[in-house]
Amino acid sequence: MENQKQEQYLSSDFYLTAYLLSVGMQLIGTQGANPRKTMFVLKDSPERKQLIQDFYSNRAQVDPLVYKNWLMDLKAMLYNNN
């Protein structure tokens, strides 16, 4: 069980999560942190730290249609979980 947690990355950042999924990370599921906040659970990747750094420093490159589709999918997940 401990090892399984190390292989996961949790994020509440909606736009970062959509980006990480757009570049190939895998969504495992969601966790409700509280009634107003959802945590996205992703399968961790050795590249994750660099991807996050690229995202926040405006160096990230991603197919805009893939990113848009992930935004729509995540939004649908949030509304269907409530």
Protein backbone atom coordinates (compact mmCIF):
# COMPACT_ATOMS: atom_id res chain seq x y z
CA MET A 1 0.00 0.00 0.00
CA GLU A 2 2.83 2.40 0.87
CA ASN A 3 4.51 1.78 -2.49
CA GLN A 4 1.23 2.42 -4.31
CA LYS A 5 0.95 5.91 -2.75
CA GLN A 6 4.47 6.77 -3.90
CA GLU A 7 3.44 6.01 -7.48
CA GLN A 8 0.62 8.54 -7.39
CA TYR A 9 0.58 12.28 -7.80
CA LEU A 10 -2.30 14.31 -6.32
CA SER A 11 -3.27 17.71 -7.66
CA SER A 12 -6.14 20.08 -7.03
CA ASP A 13 -4.99 22.38 -9.84
CA PHE A 14 -7.53 21.89 -12.61
CA TYR A 15 -5.46 23.45 -15.42
CA LEU A 16 -2.20 21.78 -14.41
CA THR A 17 -3.95 18.42 -14.30
CA ALA A 18 -5.38 18.94 -17.79
CA TYR A 19 -1.88 19.78 -19.02
CA LEU A 20 -0.29 16.73 -17.37
CA LEU A 21 -2.93 14.50 -18.94
CA SER A 22 -2.40 16.19 -22.30
CA VAL A 23 1.27 15.26 -22.27
CA GLY A 24 0.62 11.61 -21.43
CA MET A 25 0.26 11.17 -17.70
CA GLN A 26 -2.58 8.86 -16.69
CA LEU A 27 -5.60 9.72 -14.59
CA ILE A 28 -6.32 7.13 -11.91
CA GLY A 29 -9.33 8.84 -10.38
CA THR A 30 -10.48 11.59 -8.06
CA GLN A 31 -10.72 12.09 -4.33
CA GLY A 32 -13.04 14.51 -2.60
CA ALA A 33 -10.82 16.53 -0.25
CA ASN A 34 -13.92 18.34 0.98
CA PRO A 35 -17.32 19.18 -0.55
CA ARG A 36 -15.84 22.08 -2.51
CA LYS A 37 -12.47 20.64 -3.53
CA THR A 38 -11.57 17.64 -5.65
CA MET A 39 -8.12 16.10 -5.83
CA PHE A 40 -7.11 14.51 -9.12
CA VAL A 41 -5.08 11.32 -8.72
CA LEU A 42 -2.58 10.63 -11.49
CA LYS A 43 -0.11 7.84 -12.01
CA ASP A 44 3.22 9.44 -11.19
CA SER A 45 5.96 9.79 -13.78
CA PRO A 46 9.70 10.47 -13.56
CA GLU A 47 9.12 13.46 -15.87
CA ARG A 48 6.42 15.03 -13.67
CA LYS A 49 8.64 17.55 -11.87
CA GLN A 50 10.05 18.87 -15.15
CA LEU A 51 6.58 18.99 -16.74
CA ILE A 52 5.26 21.04 -13.81
CA GLN A 53 8.23 23.36 -13.99
CA ASP A 54 7.62 23.84 -17.72
CA PHE A 55 3.93 24.53 -17.11
CA TYR A 56 4.52 27.24 -14.52
CA SER A 57 7.40 28.85 -16.41
CA ASN A 58 5.42 29.13 -19.68
CA ARG A 59 7.67 26.66 -21.51
CA ALA A 60 5.03 23.95 -21.85
CA GLN A 61 4.02 22.89 -25.31
CA VAL A 62 0.91 20.86 -25.89
CA ASP A 63 -1.61 20.27 -28.65
CA PRO A 64 -4.33 22.85 -27.91
CA LEU A 65 -7.18 20.55 -28.97
CA VAL A 66 -5.94 17.76 -26.70
CA TYR A 67 -5.69 20.26 -23.83
CA LYS A 68 -9.20 21.58 -24.54
CA ASN A 69 -10.61 18.05 -24.60
CA TRP A 70 -9.02 17.24 -21.24
CA LEU A 71 -10.43 20.45 -19.77
CA MET A 72 -13.90 19.43 -20.93
CA ASP A 73 -13.49 15.86 -19.65
CA LEU A 74 -12.26 16.97 -16.23
CA LYS A 75 -15.06 19.51 -15.96
CA ALA A 76 -17.59 16.79 -16.75
CA MET A 77 -16.02 14.56 -14.08
CA LEU A 78 -16.32 17.32 -11.49
CA TYR A 79 -19.98 17.97 -12.24
CA ASN A 80 -20.88 14.27 -12.41
CA ASN A 81 -19.23 13.52 -9.06
CA ASN A 82 -21.38 16.08 -7.24
